[in-house]
């Protein structure tokens, strides 16, 4: 597995296997959110995990995603559940977000990280 793009939906062999608090554990889908230079030159990826638990949808950090290959159910990107993973932990790339959905993810990331964009 080698060429990853920002916005790729990937299935991750998450090394965290046992539940611990509210940290994502077990194999999960995720979206690559790292910049393209990092994707091209690093052995790691920064991802935001997805869940099929449709909870707290009013949060600005939760983005509903549906109609993508590899997502068996409507899923929620959790911009507060970010992780740096080894590229070797990616089992497969299943799809790629539309530009419109990636723009919504970017807004959720800004909210999650407390960043404001100056006009």
PDB file of N, CA and C in Angstrom:
ATOM      1  N   UNK A   1       0.871  -1.169   0.000  1.00  0.00           N
ATOM      2  CA  UNK A   1       0.000   0.000   0.000  1.00  0.00           C
ATOM      3  C   UNK A   1       0.913   1.225   0.000  1.00  0.00           C
ATOM      4  N   UNK A   2       0.714   2.125  -0.960  1.00  0.00           N
ATOM      5  CA  UNK A   2       1.667   3.201  -1.031  1.00  0.00           C
ATOM      6  C   UNK A   2       1.117   4.585  -1.278  1.00  0.00           C
ATOM      7  N   UNK A   3       0.388   4.800  -2.346  1.00  0.00           N
ATOM      8  CA  UNK A   3      -0.041   6.148  -2.704  1.00  0.00           C
ATOM      9  C   UNK A   3      -1.343   6.497  -2.005  1.00  0.00           C
ATOM     10  N   UNK A   4      -1.248   7.387  -1.030  1.00  0.00           N
ATOM     11  CA  UNK A   4      -2.433   7.833  -0.307  1.00  0.00           C
ATOM     12  C   UNK A   4      -2.689   9.290  -0.644  1.00  0.00           C
ATOM     13  N   UNK A   5      -3.953   9.638  -0.725  1.00  0.00           N
ATOM     14  CA  UNK A   5      -4.360  11.007  -1.026  1.00  0.00           C
ATOM     15  C   UNK A   5      -5.207  11.534   0.120  1.00  0.00           C
ATOM     16  N   UNK A   6      -5.088  12.827   0.365  1.00  0.00           N
ATOM     17  CA  UNK A   6      -5.948  13.474   1.344  1.00  0.00           C
ATOM     18  C   UNK A   6      -7.388  13.274   0.898  1.00  0.00           C
ATOM     19  N   UNK A   7      -8.231  12.787   1.797  1.00  0.00           N
ATOM     20  CA  UNK A   7      -9.623  12.500   1.462  1.00  0.00           C
ATOM     21  C   UNK A   7      -9.899  11.038   1.177  1.00  0.00           C
ATOM     22  N   UNK A   8      -8.847  10.210   1.128  1.00  0.00           N
ATOM     23  CA  UNK A   8      -9.062   8.774   0.944  1.00  0.00           C
ATOM     24  C   UNK A   8      -9.791   8.195   2.149  1.00  0.00           C
ATOM     25  N   UNK A   9     -10.736   7.310   1.889  1.00  0.00           N
ATOM     26  CA  UNK A   9     -11.349   6.519   2.950  1.00  0.00           C
ATOM     27  C   UNK A   9     -10.558   5.218   3.013  1.00  0.00           C
ATOM     28  N   UNK A  10      -9.997   4.940   4.177  1.00  0.00           N
ATOM     29  CA  UNK A  10      -9.149   3.766   4.353  1.00  0.00           C
ATOM     30  C   UNK A  10      -9.711   2.889   5.469  1.00  0.00           C
ATOM     31  N   UNK A  11      -9.422   1.603   5.399  1.00  0.00           N
ATOM     32  CA  UNK A  11      -9.764   0.690   6.483  1.00  0.00           C
ATOM     33  C   UNK A  11      -8.474   0.389   7.223  1.00  0.00           C
ATOM     34  N   UNK A  12      -8.471   0.667   8.534  1.00  0.00           N
ATOM     35  CA  UNK A  12      -7.251   0.647   9.340  1.00  0.00           C
ATOM     36  C   UNK A  12      -7.246  -0.538  10.298  1.00  0.00           C
ATOM     37  N   UNK A  13      -6.126  -1.243  10.324  1.00  0.00           N
ATOM     38  CA  UNK A  13      -5.862  -2.267  11.333  1.00  0.00           C
ATOM     39  C   UNK A  13      -5.353  -1.525  12.561  1.00  0.00           C
ATOM     40  N   UNK A  14      -6.292  -1.040  13.360  1.00  0.00           N
ATOM     41  CA  UNK A  14      -5.968  -0.215  14.523  1.00  0.00           C
ATOM     42  C   UNK A  14      -5.208  -1.047  15.551  1.00  0.00           C
ATOM     43  N   UNK A  15      -3.996  -0.603  15.930  1.00  0.00           N
ATOM     44  CA  UNK A  15      -3.222  -1.370  16.908  1.00  0.00           C
ATOM     45  C   UNK A  15      -3.835  -1.363  18.309  1.00  0.00           C
ATOM     46  N   UNK A  16      -4.753  -0.439  18.574  1.00  0.00           N
ATOM     47  CA  UNK A  16      -5.436  -0.415  19.876  1.00  0.00           C
ATOM     48  C   UNK A  16      -6.602  -1.394  19.783  1.00  0.00           C
ATOM     49  N   UNK A  17      -6.498  -2.512  20.466  1.00  0.00           N
ATOM     50  CA  UNK A  17      -7.488  -3.587  20.343  1.00  0.00           C
ATOM     51  C   UNK A  17      -8.483  -3.641  21.494  1.00  0.00           C
ATOM     52  N   UNK A  18      -8.093  -3.149  22.677  1.00  0.00           N
ATOM     53  CA  UNK A  18      -8.969  -3.236  23.840  1.00  0.00           C
ATOM     54  C   UNK A  18      -9.593  -1.877  24.123  1.00  0.00           C
ATOM     55  N   UNK A  19     -10.887  -1.868  24.467  1.00  0.00           N
ATOM     56  CA  UNK A  19     -11.529  -0.599  24.808  1.00  0.00           C
ATOM     57  C   UNK A  19     -10.807   0.087  25.959  1.00  0.00           C
ATOM     58  N   UNK A  20     -10.620   1.377  25.811  1.00  0.00           N
ATOM     59  CA  UNK A  20      -9.963   2.177  26.839  1.00  0.00           C
ATOM     60  C   UNK A  20     -10.584   3.570  26.792  1.00  0.00           C
ATOM     61  N   UNK A  21     -11.476   3.853  27.722  1.00  0.00           N
ATOM     62  CA  UNK A  21     -12.138   5.150  27.722  1.00  0.00           C
ATOM     63  C   UNK A  21     -12.935   5.351  26.445  1.00  0.00           C
ATOM     64  N   UNK A  22     -12.706   6.485  25.803  1.00  0.00           N
ATOM     65  CA  UNK A  22     -13.445   6.822  24.583  1.00  0.00           C
ATOM     66  C   UNK A  22     -12.540   6.840  23.360  1.00  0.00           C
ATOM     67  N   UNK A  23     -11.442   6.105  23.417  1.00  0.00           N
ATOM     68  CA  UNK A  23     -10.502   6.025  22.301  1.00  0.00           C
ATOM     69  C   UNK A  23     -10.979   4.931  21.345  1.00  0.00           C
ATOM     70  N   UNK A  24     -10.909   5.203  20.052  1.00  0.00           N
ATOM     71  CA  UNK A  24     -11.307   4.214  19.049  1.00  0.00           C
ATOM     72  C   UNK A  24     -10.405   2.988  19.156  1.00  0.00           C
ATOM     73  N   UNK A  25     -11.013   1.807  19.187  1.00  0.00           N
ATOM     74  CA  UNK A  25     -10.226   0.575  19.241  1.00  0.00           C
ATOM     75  C   UNK A  25     -10.740  -0.396  18.182  1.00  0.00           C
ATOM     76  N   UNK A  26      -9.903  -1.331  17.823  1.00  0.00           N
ATOM     77  CA  UNK A  26     -10.268  -2.305  16.803  1.00  0.00           C
ATOM     78  C   UNK A  26     -10.182  -1.715  15.406  1.00  0.00           C
ATOM     79  N   UNK A  27     -10.350  -2.565  14.412  1.00  0.00           N
ATOM     80  CA  UNK A  27     -10.249  -2.124  13.026  1.00  0.00           C
ATOM     81  C   UNK A  27     -11.408  -1.192  12.684  1.00  0.00           C
ATOM     82  N   UNK A  28     -11.079  -0.101  11.996  1.00  0.00           N
ATOM     83  CA  UNK A  28     -12.077   0.937  11.714  1.00  0.00           C
ATOM     84  C   UNK A  28     -11.792   1.616  10.385  1.00  0.00           C
ATOM     85  N   UNK A  29     -12.856   2.150   9.775  1.00  0.00           N
ATOM     86  CA  UNK A  29     -12.631   3.037   8.636  1.00  0.00           C
ATOM     87  C   UNK A  29     -12.191   4.406   9.140  1.00  0.00           C
ATOM     88  N   UNK A  30     -11.464   5.109   8.292  1.00  0.00           N
ATOM     89  CA  UNK A  30     -10.977   6.445   8.630  1.00  0.00           C
ATOM     90  C   UNK A  30     -10.787   7.226   7.338  1.00  0.00           C
ATOM     91  N   UNK A  31     -10.629   8.533   7.479  1.00  0.00           N
ATOM     92  CA  UNK A  31     -10.353   9.404   6.333  1.00  0.00           C
ATOM     93  C   UNK A  31      -8.965   9.997   6.516  1.00  0.00           C
ATOM     94  N   UNK A  32      -8.159   9.947   5.468  1.00  0.00           N
ATOM     95  CA  UNK A  32      -6.828  10.556   5.495  1.00  0.00           C
ATOM     96  C   UNK A  32      -7.006  12.067   5.466  1.00  0.00           C
ATOM     97  N   UNK A  33      -6.455  12.761   6.484  1.00  0.00           N
ATOM     98  CA  UNK A  33      -6.592  14.218   6.566  1.00  0.00           C
ATOM     99  C   UNK A  33      -5.247  14.932   6.465  1.00  0.00           C
ATOM    100  N   UNK A  34      -4.177  14.178   6.441  1.00  0.00           N
ATOM    101  CA  UNK A  34      -2.835  14.759   6.361  1.00  0.00           C
ATOM    102  C   UNK A  34      -2.621  15.466   5.020  1.00  0.00           C
ATOM    103  N   UNK A  35      -1.768  16.488   5.016  1.00  0.00           N
ATOM    104  CA  UNK A  35      -1.446  17.188   3.766  1.00  0.00           C
ATOM    105  C   UNK A  35      -0.727  16.253   2.806  1.00  0.00           C
ATOM    106  N   UNK A  36      -0.772  16.594   1.510  1.00  0.00           N
ATOM    107  CA  UNK A  36      -0.253  15.675   0.502  1.00  0.00           C
ATOM    108  C   UNK A  36       1.255  15.478   0.594  1.00  0.00           C
ATOM    109  N   UNK A  37       2.001  16.508   0.994  1.00  0.00           N
ATOM    110  CA  UNK A  37       3.453  16.349   1.148  1.00  0.00           C
ATOM    111  C   UNK A  37       3.753  15.292   2.211  1.00  0.00           C
ATOM    112  N   UNK A  38       3.022  15.330   3.312  1.00  0.00           N
ATOM    113  CA  UNK A  38       3.195  14.321   4.353  1.00  0.00           C
ATOM    114  C   UNK A  38       2.826  12.933   3.864  1.00  0.00           C
ATOM    115  N   UNK A  39       1.738  12.846   3.099  1.00  0.00           N
ATOM    116  CA  UNK A  39       1.324  11.549   2.550  1.00  0.00           C
ATOM    117  C   UNK A  39       2.391  10.975   1.634  1.00  0.00           C
ATOM    118  N   UNK A  40       3.034  11.845   0.859  1.00  0.00           N
ATOM    119  CA  UNK A  40       4.024  11.399  -0.121  1.00  0.00           C
ATOM    120  C   UNK A  40       5.366  11.027   0.493  1.00  0.00           C
ATOM    121  N   UNK A  41       5.755  11.692   1.598  1.00  0.00           N
ATOM    122  CA  UNK A  41       7.128  11.557   2.088  1.00  0.00           C
ATOM    123  C   UNK A  41       7.270  10.947   3.477  1.00  0.00           C
ATOM    124  N   UNK A  42       6.173  10.734   4.182  1.00  0.00           N
ATOM    125  CA  UNK A  42       6.243  10.179   5.531  1.00  0.00           C
ATOM    126  C   UNK A  42       5.813   8.720   5.520  1.00  0.00           C
ATOM    127  N   UNK A  43       6.270   7.978   6.495  1.00  0.00           N
ATOM    128  CA  UNK A  43       5.821   6.599   6.673  1.00  0.00           C
ATOM    129  C   UNK A  43       4.526   6.512   7.456  1.00  0.00           C
ATOM    130  N   UNK A  44       4.033   7.677   7.887  1.00  0.00           N
ATOM    131  CA  UNK A  44       2.816   7.752   8.686  1.00  0.00           C
ATOM    132  C   UNK A  44       1.723   8.491   7.933  1.00  0.00           C
ATOM    133  N   UNK A  45       0.499   8.342   8.424  1.00  0.00           N
ATOM    134  CA  UNK A  45      -0.650   9.100   7.942  1.00  0.00           C
ATOM    135  C   UNK A  45      -1.381   9.671   9.144  1.00  0.00           C
ATOM    136  N   UNK A  46      -1.973  10.828   8.981  1.00  0.00           N
ATOM    137  CA  UNK A  46      -2.885  11.364   9.992  1.00  0.00           C
ATOM    138  C   UNK A  46      -4.293  11.107   9.473  1.00  0.00           C
ATOM    139  N   UNK A  47      -5.115  10.475  10.318  1.00  0.00           N
ATOM    140  CA  UNK A  47      -6.470  10.115   9.917  1.00  0.00           C
ATOM    141  C   UNK A  47      -7.475  10.592  10.955  1.00  0.00           C
ATOM    142  N   UNK A  48      -8.724  10.703  10.511  1.00  0.00           N
ATOM    143  CA  UNK A  48      -9.862  10.926  11.402  1.00  0.00           C
ATOM    144  C   UNK A  48     -10.733   9.680  11.298  1.00  0.00           C
ATOM    145  N   UNK A  49     -11.040   9.087  12.436  1.00  0.00           N
ATOM    146  CA  UNK A  49     -11.810   7.848  12.436  1.00  0.00           C
ATOM    147  C   UNK A  49     -13.288   8.096  12.164  1.00  0.00           C
ATOM    148  N   UNK A  50     -13.931   7.059  11.624  1.00  0.00           N
ATOM    149  CA  UNK A  50     -15.365   7.058  11.364  1.00  0.00           C
ATOM    150  C   UNK A  50     -16.035   6.082  12.314  1.00  0.00           C
ATOM    151  N   UNK A  51     -17.302   6.341  12.605  1.00  0.00           N
ATOM    152  CA  UNK A  51     -18.102   5.426  13.411  1.00  0.00           C
ATOM    153  C   UNK A  51     -19.477   5.288  12.774  1.00  0.00           C
ATOM    154  N   UNK A  52     -20.126   4.167  13.033  1.00  0.00           N
ATOM    155  CA  UNK A  52     -21.506   3.994  12.576  1.00  0.00           C
ATOM    156  C   UNK A  52     -22.494   4.386  13.671  1.00  0.00           C
ATOM    157  N   UNK A  53     -21.972   4.818  14.816  1.00  0.00           N
ATOM    158  CA  UNK A  53     -22.816   5.294  15.913  1.00  0.00           C
ATOM    159  C   UNK A  53     -23.285   6.710  15.581  1.00  0.00           C
ATOM    160  N   UNK A  54     -24.552   6.859  15.256  1.00  0.00           N
ATOM    161  CA  UNK A  54     -25.089   8.166  14.856  1.00  0.00           C
ATOM    162  C   UNK A  54     -25.516   8.944  16.092  1.00  0.00           C
ATOM    163  N   UNK A  55     -24.528   9.459  16.806  1.00  0.00           N
ATOM    164  CA  UNK A  55     -24.766  10.190  18.050  1.00  0.00           C
ATOM    165  C   UNK A  55     -24.144  11.575  17.964  1.00  0.00           C
ATOM    166  N   UNK A  56     -24.723  12.498  18.703  1.00  0.00           N
ATOM    167  CA  UNK A  56     -24.190  13.858  18.838  1.00  0.00           C
ATOM    168  C   UNK A  56     -23.943  14.508  17.472  1.00  0.00           C
ATOM    169  N   UNK A  57     -24.893  14.333  16.568  1.00  0.00           N
ATOM    170  CA  UNK A  57     -24.739  14.853  15.211  1.00  0.00           C
ATOM    171  C   UNK A  57     -24.748  16.376  15.160  1.00  0.00           C
ATOM    172  N   UNK A  58     -25.197  17.002  16.239  1.00  0.00           N
ATOM    173  CA  UNK A  58     -25.218  18.467  16.282  1.00  0.00           C
ATOM    174  C   UNK A  58     -23.827  19.066  16.519  1.00  0.00           C
ATOM    175  N   UNK A  59     -22.868  18.247  16.930  1.00  0.00           N
ATOM    176  CA  UNK A  59     -21.521  18.760  17.191  1.00  0.00           C
ATOM    177  C   UNK A  59     -20.858  19.213  15.893  1.00  0.00           C
ATOM    178  N   UNK A  60     -20.148  20.336  15.929  1.00  0.00           N
ATOM    179  CA  UNK A  60     -19.482  20.810  14.709  1.00  0.00           C
ATOM    180  C   UNK A  60     -18.315  19.921  14.281  1.00  0.00           C
ATOM    181  N   UNK A  61     -17.936  18.978  15.139  1.00  0.00           N
ATOM    182  CA  UNK A  61     -16.832  18.063  14.830  1.00  0.00           C
ATOM    183  C   UNK A  61     -17.309  16.743  14.232  1.00  0.00           C
ATOM    184  N   UNK A  62     -18.622  16.579  14.090  1.00  0.00           N
ATOM    185  CA  UNK A  62     -19.189  15.342  13.550  1.00  0.00           C
ATOM    186  C   UNK A  62     -19.772  15.598  12.168  1.00  0.00           C
ATOM    187  N   UNK A  63     -19.322  14.830  11.182  1.00  0.00           N
ATOM    188  CA  UNK A  63     -19.760  14.980   9.797  1.00  0.00           C
ATOM    189  C   UNK A  63     -20.341  13.649   9.324  1.00  0.00           C
ATOM    190  N   UNK A  64     -21.594  13.672   8.900  1.00  0.00           N
ATOM    191  CA  UNK A  64     -22.243  12.464   8.385  1.00  0.00           C
ATOM    192  C   UNK A  64     -21.759  12.203   6.962  1.00  0.00           C
ATOM    193  N   UNK A  65     -21.347  10.964   6.712  1.00  0.00           N
ATOM    194  CA  UNK A  65     -20.901  10.531   5.384  1.00  0.00           C
ATOM    195  C   UNK A  65     -21.700   9.299   4.980  1.00  0.00           C
ATOM    196  N   UNK A  66     -22.148   9.287   3.741  1.00  0.00           N
ATOM    197  CA  UNK A  66     -22.893   8.130   3.243  1.00  0.00           C
ATOM    198  C   UNK A  66     -22.690   7.974   1.745  1.00  0.00           C
ATOM    199  N   UNK A  67     -23.058   6.817   1.252  1.00  0.00           N
ATOM    200  CA  UNK A  67     -22.959   6.493  -0.181  1.00  0.00           C
ATOM    201  C   UNK A  67     -21.516   6.387  -0.665  1.00  0.00           C
ATOM    202  N   UNK A  68     -20.641   5.860   0.180  1.00  0.00           N
ATOM    203  CA  UNK A  68     -19.252   5.617  -0.222  1.00  0.00           C
ATOM    204  C   UNK A  68     -18.968   4.121  -0.181  1.00  0.00           C
ATOM    205  N   UNK A  69     -18.168   3.657  -1.124  1.00  0.00           N
ATOM    206  CA  UNK A  69     -17.756   2.249  -1.140  1.00  0.00           C
ATOM    207  C   UNK A  69     -16.995   1.939   0.146  1.00  0.00           C
ATOM    208  N   UNK A  70     -17.255   0.794   0.702  1.00  0.00           N
ATOM    209  CA  UNK A  70     -16.549   0.380   1.905  1.00  0.00           C
ATOM    210  C   UNK A  70     -17.229   0.802   3.191  1.00  0.00           C
ATOM    211  N   UNK A  71     -18.182   1.719   3.111  1.00  0.00           N
ATOM    212  CA  UNK A  71     -18.955   2.104   4.297  1.00  0.00           C
ATOM    213  C   UNK A  71     -20.291   1.383   4.201  1.00  0.00           C
ATOM    214  N   UNK A  72     -20.445   0.354   5.004  1.00  0.00           N
ATOM    215  CA  UNK A  72     -21.658  -0.462   4.945  1.00  0.00           C
ATOM    216  C   UNK A  72     -22.868   0.270   5.497  1.00  0.00           C
ATOM    217  N   UNK A  73     -22.614   1.261   6.335  1.00  0.00           N
ATOM    218  CA  UNK A  73     -23.690   2.020   6.974  1.00  0.00           C
ATOM    219  C   UNK A  73     -23.389   3.501   6.837  1.00  0.00           C
ATOM    220  N   UNK A  74     -24.401   4.308   7.087  1.00  0.00           N
ATOM    221  CA  UNK A  74     -24.161   5.737   7.228  1.00  0.00           C
ATOM    222  C   UNK A  74     -23.146   5.890   8.347  1.00  0.00           C
ATOM    223  N   UNK A  75     -22.143   6.737   8.146  1.00  0.00           N
ATOM    224  CA  UNK A  75     -21.058   6.865   9.121  1.00  0.00           C
ATOM    225  C   UNK A  75     -20.857   8.313   9.516  1.00  0.00           C
ATOM    226  N   UNK A  76     -20.208   8.502  10.648  1.00  0.00           N
ATOM    227  CA  UNK A  76     -19.909   9.836  11.154  1.00  0.00           C
ATOM    228  C   UNK A  76     -18.399   9.974  11.299  1.00  0.00           C
ATOM    229  N   UNK A  77     -17.832  10.962  10.609  1.00  0.00           N
ATOM    230  CA  UNK A  77     -16.429  11.307  10.827  1.00  0.00           C
ATOM    231  C   UNK A  77     -16.372  12.084  12.128  1.00  0.00           C
ATOM    232  N   UNK A  78     -15.480  11.674  13.010  1.00  0.00           N
ATOM    233  CA  UNK A  78     -15.310  12.324  14.303  1.00  0.00           C
ATOM    234  C   UNK A  78     -13.995  13.097  14.278  1.00  0.00           C
ATOM    235  N   UNK A  79     -14.087  14.398  14.078  1.00  0.00           N
ATOM    236  CA  UNK A  79     -12.874  15.211  13.964  1.00  0.00           C
ATOM    237  C   UNK A  79     -12.135  15.335  15.291  1.00  0.00           C
ATOM    238  N   UNK A  80     -12.717  14.835  16.366  1.00  0.00           N
ATOM    239  CA  UNK A  80     -12.000  14.800  17.648  1.00  0.00           C
ATOM    240  C   UNK A  80     -11.280  13.463  17.842  1.00  0.00           C
ATOM    241  N   UNK A  81     -11.491  12.510  16.943  1.00  0.00           N
ATOM    242  CA  UNK A  81     -10.837  11.198  17.016  1.00  0.00           C
ATOM    243  C   UNK A  81      -9.774  11.115  15.921  1.00  0.00           C
ATOM    244  N   UNK A  82      -8.691  11.857  16.117  1.00  0.00           N
ATOM    245  CA  UNK A  82      -7.587  11.904  15.162  1.00  0.00           C
ATOM    246  C   UNK A  82      -6.485  10.960  15.626  1.00  0.00           C
ATOM    247  N   UNK A  83      -5.780  10.398  14.669  1.00  0.00           N
ATOM    248  CA  UNK A  83      -4.689   9.481  15.018  1.00  0.00           C
ATOM    249  C   UNK A  83      -3.601   9.551  13.962  1.00  0.00           C
ATOM    250  N   UNK A  84      -2.367   9.366  14.412  1.00  0.00           N
ATOM    251  CA  UNK A  84      -1.246   9.164  13.496  1.00  0.00           C
ATOM    252  C   UNK A  84      -1.015   7.665  13.438  1.00  0.00           C
ATOM    253  N   UNK A  85      -1.079   7.121  12.232  1.00  0.00           N
ATOM    254  CA  UNK A  85      -0.934   5.680  12.059  1.00  0.00           C
ATOM    255  C   UNK A  85       0.216   5.385  11.101  1.00  0.00           C
ATOM    256  N   UNK A  86       0.753   4.202  11.192  1.00  0.00           N
ATOM    257  CA  UNK A  86       1.751   3.740  10.239  1.00  0.00           C
ATOM    258  C   UNK A  86       1.038   3.353   8.946  1.00  0.00           C
ATOM    259  N   UNK A  87       1.619   3.704   7.815  1.00  0.00           N
ATOM    260  CA  UNK A  87       0.998   3.341   6.537  1.00  0.00           C
ATOM    261  C   UNK A  87       0.775   1.837   6.425  1.00  0.00           C
ATOM    262  N   UNK A  88       1.618   1.063   7.085  1.00  0.00           N
ATOM    263  CA  UNK A  88       1.473  -0.387   7.056  1.00  0.00           C
ATOM    264  C   UNK A  88       0.227  -0.889   7.759  1.00  0.00           C
ATOM    265  N   UNK A  89      -0.416  -0.030   8.566  1.00  0.00           N
ATOM    266  CA  UNK A  89      -1.647  -0.414   9.255  1.00  0.00           C
ATOM    267  C   UNK A  89      -2.888  -0.236   8.386  1.00  0.00           C
ATOM    268  N   UNK A  90      -2.720   0.301   7.178  1.00  0.00           N
ATOM    269  CA  UNK A  90      -3.859   0.458   6.270  1.00  0.00           C
ATOM    270  C   UNK A  90      -4.097  -0.870   5.558  1.00  0.00           C
ATOM    271  N   UNK A  91      -5.285  -1.408   5.744  1.00  0.00           N
ATOM    272  CA  UNK A  91      -5.660  -2.669   5.105  1.00  0.00           C
ATOM    273  C   UNK A  91      -6.066  -2.420   3.653  1.00  0.00           C
ATOM    274  N   UNK A  92      -6.844  -1.349   3.439  1.00  0.00           N
ATOM    275  CA  UNK A  92      -7.305  -1.056   2.080  1.00  0.00           C
ATOM    276  C   UNK A  92      -7.760   0.394   1.975  1.00  0.00           C
ATOM    277  N   UNK A  93      -7.742   0.896   0.749  1.00  0.00           N
ATOM    278  CA  UNK A  93      -8.355   2.182   0.415  1.00  0.00           C
ATOM    279  C   UNK A  93      -9.673   1.832  -0.253  1.00  0.00           C
ATOM    280  N   UNK A  94     -10.782   2.329   0.297  1.00  0.00           N
ATOM    281  CA  UNK A  94     -12.086   1.910  -0.211  1.00  0.00           C
ATOM    282  C   UNK A  94     -12.758   2.947  -1.099  1.00  0.00           C
ATOM    283  N   UNK A  95     -12.422   4.224  -0.941  1.00  0.00           N
ATOM    284  CA  UNK A  95     -13.071   5.272  -1.731  1.00  0.00           C
ATOM    285  C   UNK A  95     -12.353   6.584  -1.474  1.00  0.00           C
ATOM    286  N   UNK A  96     -12.906   7.665  -1.991  1.00  0.00           N
ATOM    287  CA  UNK A  96     -12.335   9.002  -1.831  1.00  0.00           C
ATOM    288  C   UNK A  96     -13.486   9.987  -1.659  1.00  0.00           C
ATOM    289  N   UNK A  97     -13.358  10.905  -0.693  1.00  0.00           N
ATOM    290  CA  UNK A  97     -14.419  11.880  -0.446  1.00  0.00           C
ATOM    291  C   UNK A  97     -14.584  12.838  -1.618  1.00  0.00           C
ATOM    292  N   UNK A  98     -15.811  13.284  -1.808  1.00  0.00           N
ATOM    293  CA  UNK A  98     -16.070  14.345  -2.780  1.00  0.00           C
ATOM    294  C   UNK A  98     -15.459  15.641  -2.258  1.00  0.00           C
ATOM    295  N   UNK A  99     -15.262  16.602  -3.144  1.00  0.00           N
ATOM    296  CA  UNK A  99     -14.735  17.907  -2.720  1.00  0.00           C
ATOM    297  C   UNK A  99     -15.665  18.561  -1.705  1.00  0.00           C
ATOM    298  N   UNK A 100     -16.975  18.422  -1.899  1.00  0.00           N
ATOM    299  CA  UNK A 100     -17.941  19.029  -0.974  1.00  0.00           C
ATOM    300  C   UNK A 100     -17.826  18.415   0.418  1.00  0.00           C
ATOM    301  N   UNK A 101     -17.718  17.096   0.494  1.00  0.00           N
ATOM    302  CA  UNK A 101     -17.575  16.454   1.805  1.00  0.00           C
ATOM    303  C   UNK A 101     -16.230  16.780   2.433  1.00  0.00           C
ATOM    304  N   UNK A 102     -15.172  16.878   1.633  1.00  0.00           N
ATOM    305  CA  UNK A 102     -13.859  17.229   2.191  1.00  0.00           C
ATOM    306  C   UNK A 102     -13.881  18.643   2.751  1.00  0.00           C
ATOM    307  N   UNK A 103     -14.610  19.553   2.122  1.00  0.00           N
ATOM    308  CA  UNK A 103     -14.739  20.917   2.649  1.00  0.00           C
ATOM    309  C   UNK A 103     -15.447  20.898   4.003  1.00  0.00           C
ATOM    310  N   UNK A 104     -16.451  20.039   4.160  1.00  0.00           N
ATOM    311  CA  UNK A 104     -17.139  19.914   5.457  1.00  0.00           C
ATOM    312  C   UNK A 104     -16.196  19.324   6.501  1.00  0.00           C
ATOM    313  N   UNK A 105     -15.375  18.366   6.109  1.00  0.00           N
ATOM    314  CA  UNK A 105     -14.382  17.787   7.017  1.00  0.00           C
ATOM    315  C   UNK A 105     -13.389  18.860   7.450  1.00  0.00           C
ATOM    316  N   UNK A 106     -12.934  19.679   6.519  1.00  0.00           N
ATOM    317  CA  UNK A 106     -11.996  20.755   6.861  1.00  0.00           C
ATOM    318  C   UNK A 106     -12.592  21.686   7.916  1.00  0.00           C
ATOM    319  N   UNK A 107     -13.870  22.027   7.786  1.00  0.00           N
ATOM    320  CA  UNK A 107     -14.523  22.886   8.777  1.00  0.00           C
ATOM    321  C   UNK A 107     -14.588  22.192  10.137  1.00  0.00           C
ATOM    322  N   UNK A 108     -14.867  20.899  10.133  1.00  0.00           N
ATOM    323  CA  UNK A 108     -14.914  20.142  11.389  1.00  0.00           C
ATOM    324  C   UNK A 108     -13.535  20.089  12.049  1.00  0.00           C
ATOM    325  N   UNK A 109     -12.489  19.948  11.241  1.00  0.00           N
ATOM    326  CA  UNK A 109     -11.127  19.936  11.786  1.00  0.00           C
ATOM    327  C   UNK A 109     -10.773  21.285  12.397  1.00  0.00           C
ATOM    328  N   UNK A 110     -11.144  22.367  11.728  1.00  0.00           N
ATOM    329  CA  UNK A 110     -10.903  23.701  12.292  1.00  0.00           C
ATOM    330  C   UNK A 110     -11.585  23.833  13.646  1.00  0.00           C
ATOM    331  N   UNK A 111     -12.836  23.371  13.732  1.00  0.00           N
ATOM    332  CA  UNK A 111     -13.572  23.446  14.997  1.00  0.00           C
ATOM    333  C   UNK A 111     -12.913  22.577  16.060  1.00  0.00           C
ATOM    334  N   UNK A 112     -12.512  21.380  15.696  1.00  0.00           N
ATOM    335  CA  UNK A 112     -11.919  20.457  16.660  1.00  0.00           C
ATOM    336  C   UNK A 112     -10.606  20.981  17.227  1.00  0.00           C
ATOM    337  N   UNK A 113      -9.813  21.599  16.374  1.00  0.00           N
ATOM    338  CA  UNK A 113      -8.494  22.083  16.792  1.00  0.00           C
ATOM    339  C   UNK A 113      -8.518  23.519  17.305  1.00  0.00           C
ATOM    340  N   UNK A 114      -9.697  24.134  17.300  1.00  0.00           N
ATOM    341  CA  UNK A 114      -9.819  25.496  17.811  1.00  0.00           C
ATOM    342  C   UNK A 114      -9.123  26.523  16.945  1.00  0.00           C
ATOM    343  N   UNK A 115      -9.105  26.292  15.643  1.00  0.00           N
ATOM    344  CA  UNK A 115      -8.429  27.201  14.717  1.00  0.00           C
ATOM    345  C   UNK A 115      -9.437  28.109  14.032  1.00  0.00           C
ATOM    346  N   UNK A 116      -9.047  29.348  13.847  1.00  0.00           N
ATOM    347  CA  UNK A 116      -9.873  30.294  13.108  1.00  0.00           C
ATOM    348  C   UNK A 116      -9.111  30.728  11.878  1.00  0.00           C
ATOM    349  N   UNK A 117      -9.817  30.831  10.767  1.00  0.00           N
ATOM    350  CA  UNK A 117      -9.197  31.277   9.529  1.00  0.00           C
ATOM    351  C   UNK A 117      -9.454  32.764   9.385  1.00  0.00           C
ATOM    352  N   UNK A 118      -8.382  33.536   9.214  1.00  0.00           N
ATOM    353  CA  UNK A 118      -8.521  34.979   9.020  1.00  0.00           C
ATOM    354  C   UNK A 118      -8.923  35.253   7.583  1.00  0.00           C
ATOM    355  N   UNK A 119      -9.810  36.211   7.422  1.00  0.00           N
ATOM    356  CA  UNK A 119     -10.262  36.567   6.063  1.00  0.00           C
ATOM    357  C   UNK A 119      -9.297  37.523   5.405  1.00  0.00           C
TER     358      UNK A 119
END
